Amino acid sequence: HVSKVSGYKASVQKLVAFVHTNNIQAEIPVKNAIPLAIATKGIKYLGIQFSKEVNYLCTKNYKNVLKEMRDNTNK
């Protein structure tokens, strides 16, 4: 378990699952089997935006990070 190594325990009330498949019918049993809150549109993990819309991954992550780096460099 991660908790033995890190010393932290996961709070099930705060956990969120992000289910992403190409088949909506396949998602239904998975969502029903997971006893966690399900993110419907996307999730942010370690500063990275994950979205069901694959086309937006570059826009939400790379372009924002690049802009932030440019802004910080200009300061």
N, C-alpha and C. Protein backbone atom coordinates (compact mmCIF):
# COMPACT_ATOMS: atom_id res chain seq x y z
N HIS A 1 0.81 -1.19 0.00
CA HIS A 1 0.00 0.00 0.00
C HIS A 1 0.86 1.25 0.00
N VAL A 2 0.36 2.26 -0.64
CA VAL A 2 1.05 3.55 -0.71
C VAL A 2 1.15 4.17 0.67
N SER A 3 0.14 3.98 1.50
CA SER A 3 0.13 4.60 2.82
C SER A 3 1.28 4.11 3.70
N LYS A 4 1.73 2.89 3.51
CA LYS A 4 2.85 2.37 4.30
C LYS A 4 4.14 3.09 3.94
N VAL A 5 4.29 3.47 2.68
CA VAL A 5 5.50 4.14 2.22
C VAL A 5 5.43 5.64 2.49
N SER A 6 4.30 6.24 2.17
CA SER A 6 4.18 7.70 2.26
C SER A 6 3.78 8.19 3.64
N GLY A 7 3.11 7.37 4.41
CA GLY A 7 2.61 7.81 5.70
C GLY A 7 1.26 8.50 5.60
N TYR A 8 0.72 8.61 4.39
CA TYR A 8 -0.58 9.25 4.17
C TYR A 8 -1.65 8.20 3.91
N LYS A 9 -2.85 8.51 4.32
CA LYS A 9 -3.98 7.64 4.02
C LYS A 9 -4.90 8.35 3.05
N ALA A 10 -5.46 7.61 2.10
CA ALA A 10 -6.38 8.18 1.13
C ALA A 10 -7.75 8.33 1.77
N SER A 11 -8.36 9.47 1.56
CA SER A 11 -9.71 9.72 2.03
C SER A 11 -10.69 9.37 0.91
N VAL A 12 -11.45 8.31 1.10
CA VAL A 12 -12.36 7.84 0.06
C VAL A 12 -13.39 8.93 -0.29
N GLN A 13 -13.74 9.78 0.68
CA GLN A 13 -14.71 10.83 0.42
C GLN A 13 -14.16 11.87 -0.55
N LYS A 14 -12.84 12.01 -0.63
CA LYS A 14 -12.24 13.02 -1.49
C LYS A 14 -11.76 12.46 -2.83
N LEU A 15 -11.73 11.15 -2.98
CA LEU A 15 -11.25 10.54 -4.21
C LEU A 15 -12.26 10.73 -5.35
N VAL A 16 -11.73 10.98 -6.53
CA VAL A 16 -12.56 11.14 -7.72
C VAL A 16 -11.98 10.26 -8.82
N ALA A 17 -12.82 9.52 -9.51
CA ALA A 17 -12.38 8.68 -10.62
C ALA A 17 -12.72 9.37 -11.94
N PHE A 18 -11.86 9.16 -12.91
CA PHE A 18 -12.09 9.70 -14.25
C PHE A 18 -12.13 8.51 -15.20
N VAL A 19 -13.30 8.17 -15.67
CA VAL A 19 -13.49 7.01 -16.55
C VAL A 19 -13.52 7.51 -17.98
N HIS A 20 -12.65 6.93 -18.80
CA HIS A 20 -12.61 7.37 -20.20
C HIS A 20 -12.47 6.15 -21.10
N THR A 21 -13.50 5.92 -21.90
CA THR A 21 -13.47 4.85 -22.91
C THR A 21 -14.04 5.41 -24.20
N ASN A 22 -13.88 4.68 -25.26
CA ASN A 22 -14.47 5.07 -26.54
C ASN A 22 -15.91 4.57 -26.68
N ASN A 23 -16.33 3.79 -25.69
CA ASN A 23 -17.66 3.17 -25.77
C ASN A 23 -18.45 3.56 -24.52
N ILE A 24 -19.47 4.37 -24.70
CA ILE A 24 -20.28 4.85 -23.57
C ILE A 24 -20.97 3.68 -22.87
N GLN A 25 -21.39 2.68 -23.64
CA GLN A 25 -22.04 1.51 -23.04
C GLN A 25 -21.08 0.75 -22.13
N ALA A 26 -19.79 0.76 -22.44
CA ALA A 26 -18.80 0.07 -21.61
C ALA A 26 -18.52 0.85 -20.33
N GLU A 27 -18.76 2.15 -20.34
CA GLU A 27 -18.52 2.98 -19.15
C GLU A 27 -19.53 2.71 -18.05
N ILE A 28 -20.73 2.39 -18.40
CA ILE A 28 -21.82 2.26 -17.42
C ILE A 28 -21.50 1.22 -16.34
N PRO A 29 -21.13 -0.02 -16.68
CA PRO A 29 -20.83 -0.98 -15.61
C PRO A 29 -19.60 -0.58 -14.79
N VAL A 30 -18.65 0.07 -15.42
CA VAL A 30 -17.46 0.51 -14.69
C VAL A 30 -17.85 1.57 -13.67
N LYS A 31 -18.64 2.54 -14.10
CA LYS A 31 -19.09 3.60 -13.19
C LYS A 31 -19.89 3.03 -12.03
N ASN A 32 -20.71 2.02 -12.30
CA ASN A 32 -21.52 1.41 -11.25
C ASN A 32 -20.68 0.59 -10.27
N ALA A 33 -19.56 0.08 -10.73
CA ALA A 33 -18.71 -0.76 -9.88
C ALA A 33 -17.75 0.05 -9.01
N ILE A 34 -17.51 1.31 -9.35
CA ILE A 34 -16.56 2.13 -8.61
C ILE A 34 -17.30 2.90 -7.51
N PRO A 35 -16.90 2.71 -6.25
CA PRO A 35 -17.60 3.40 -5.16
C PRO A 35 -17.05 4.81 -4.90
N LEU A 36 -16.67 5.50 -5.96
CA LEU A 36 -16.10 6.84 -5.84
C LEU A 36 -16.93 7.83 -6.64
N ALA A 37 -16.71 9.10 -6.38
CA ALA A 37 -17.33 10.13 -7.21
C ALA A 37 -16.72 10.03 -8.60
N ILE A 38 -17.51 10.23 -9.62
CA ILE A 38 -17.06 10.13 -11.00
C ILE A 38 -17.01 11.53 -11.61
N ALA A 39 -15.85 11.90 -12.14
CA ALA A 39 -15.71 13.18 -12.85
C ALA A 39 -16.34 13.02 -14.22
N THR A 40 -17.25 13.90 -14.57
CA THR A 40 -17.96 13.74 -15.84
C THR A 40 -17.28 14.43 -17.00
N LYS A 41 -16.67 15.59 -16.78
CA LYS A 41 -16.05 16.33 -17.88
C LYS A 41 -14.54 16.19 -17.93
N GLY A 42 -13.92 16.20 -16.79
CA GLY A 42 -12.46 16.12 -16.76
C GLY A 42 -11.97 16.18 -15.33
N ILE A 43 -10.65 16.12 -15.20
CA ILE A 43 -10.03 16.10 -13.88
C ILE A 43 -8.65 16.73 -13.98
N LYS A 44 -8.20 17.34 -12.93
CA LYS A 44 -6.86 17.90 -12.88
C LYS A 44 -6.04 17.07 -11.89
N TYR A 45 -4.92 16.54 -12.34
CA TYR A 45 -4.06 15.70 -11.51
C TYR A 45 -2.62 16.11 -11.71
N LEU A 46 -1.96 16.47 -10.64
CA LEU A 46 -0.56 16.91 -10.68
C LEU A 46 -0.36 18.04 -11.69
N GLY A 47 -1.33 18.94 -11.74
CA GLY A 47 -1.22 20.11 -12.61
C GLY A 47 -1.57 19.86 -14.06
N ILE A 48 -1.98 18.66 -14.39
CA ILE A 48 -2.32 18.33 -15.78
C ILE A 48 -3.83 18.16 -15.88
N GLN A 49 -4.42 18.81 -16.87
CA GLN A 49 -5.85 18.71 -17.13
C GLN A 49 -6.12 17.51 -18.02
N PHE A 50 -6.92 16.58 -17.54
CA PHE A 50 -7.35 15.44 -18.34
C PHE A 50 -8.80 15.69 -18.74
N SER A 51 -9.11 15.47 -20.00
CA SER A 51 -10.43 15.75 -20.52
C SER A 51 -10.88 14.60 -21.41
N LYS A 52 -12.18 14.41 -21.49
CA LYS A 52 -12.70 13.40 -22.41
C LYS A 52 -12.50 13.84 -23.85
N GLU A 53 -12.43 15.14 -24.06
CA GLU A 53 -12.20 15.68 -25.39
C GLU A 53 -10.69 15.71 -25.66
N VAL A 54 -10.21 14.74 -26.39
CA VAL A 54 -8.78 14.60 -26.66
C VAL A 54 -8.22 15.83 -27.38
N ASN A 55 -9.04 16.48 -28.19
CA ASN A 55 -8.60 17.65 -28.95
C ASN A 55 -8.18 18.80 -28.04
N TYR A 56 -8.70 18.83 -26.82
CA TYR A 56 -8.42 19.94 -25.91
C TYR A 56 -7.21 19.70 -25.01
N LEU A 57 -6.62 18.52 -25.04
CA LEU A 57 -5.49 18.22 -24.16
C LEU A 57 -4.32 19.17 -24.39
N CYS A 58 -4.00 19.44 -25.63
CA CYS A 58 -2.91 20.36 -25.96
C CYS A 58 -3.26 21.77 -25.52
N THR A 59 -4.47 22.21 -25.81
CA THR A 59 -4.90 23.56 -25.46
C THR A 59 -4.89 23.77 -23.95
N LYS A 60 -5.41 22.81 -23.21
CA LYS A 60 -5.54 22.95 -21.76
C LYS A 60 -4.21 22.79 -21.03
N ASN A 61 -3.25 22.13 -21.63
CA ASN A 61 -2.00 21.86 -20.92
C ASN A 61 -0.81 22.58 -21.54
N TYR A 62 -0.43 22.18 -22.71
CA TYR A 62 0.79 22.70 -23.33
C TYR A 62 0.75 24.21 -23.54
N LYS A 63 -0.30 24.70 -24.12
CA LYS A 63 -0.37 26.14 -24.43
C LYS A 63 -0.40 26.98 -23.16
N ASN A 64 -1.11 26.52 -22.13
CA ASN A 64 -1.15 27.27 -20.88
C ASN A 64 0.20 27.27 -20.18
N VAL A 65 0.88 26.14 -20.17
CA VAL A 65 2.20 26.06 -19.55
C VAL A 65 3.20 26.91 -20.32
N LEU A 66 3.14 26.87 -21.63
CA LEU A 66 4.04 27.67 -22.46
C LEU A 66 3.81 29.16 -22.21
N LYS A 67 2.56 29.58 -22.11
CA LYS A 67 2.24 30.98 -21.84
C LYS A 67 2.75 31.38 -20.45
N GLU A 68 2.56 30.52 -19.47
CA GLU A 68 3.03 30.80 -18.11
C GLU A 68 4.55 30.92 -18.07
N MET A 69 5.24 30.05 -18.80
CA MET A 69 6.70 30.12 -18.86
C MET A 69 7.17 31.42 -19.52
N ARG A 70 6.50 31.81 -20.60
CA ARG A 70 6.86 33.06 -21.27
C ARG A 70 6.62 34.26 -20.36
N ASP A 71 5.47 34.25 -19.67
CA ASP A 71 5.18 35.35 -18.74
C ASP A 71 6.21 35.43 -17.64
N ASN A 72 6.59 34.29 -17.08
CA ASN A 72 7.59 34.27 -16.01
C ASN A 72 8.97 34.71 -16.53
N THR A 73 9.29 34.32 -17.75
CA THR A 73 10.57 34.71 -18.34
C THR A 73 10.63 36.20 -18.59
N ASN A 74 9.52 36.77 -19.03
CA ASN A 74 9.46 38.21 -19.31
C ASN A 74 9.56 39.05 -18.05
N LYS A 75 9.17 38.47 -16.91
CA LYS A 75 9.28 39.22 -15.63
C LYS A 75 10.72 39.33 -15.27
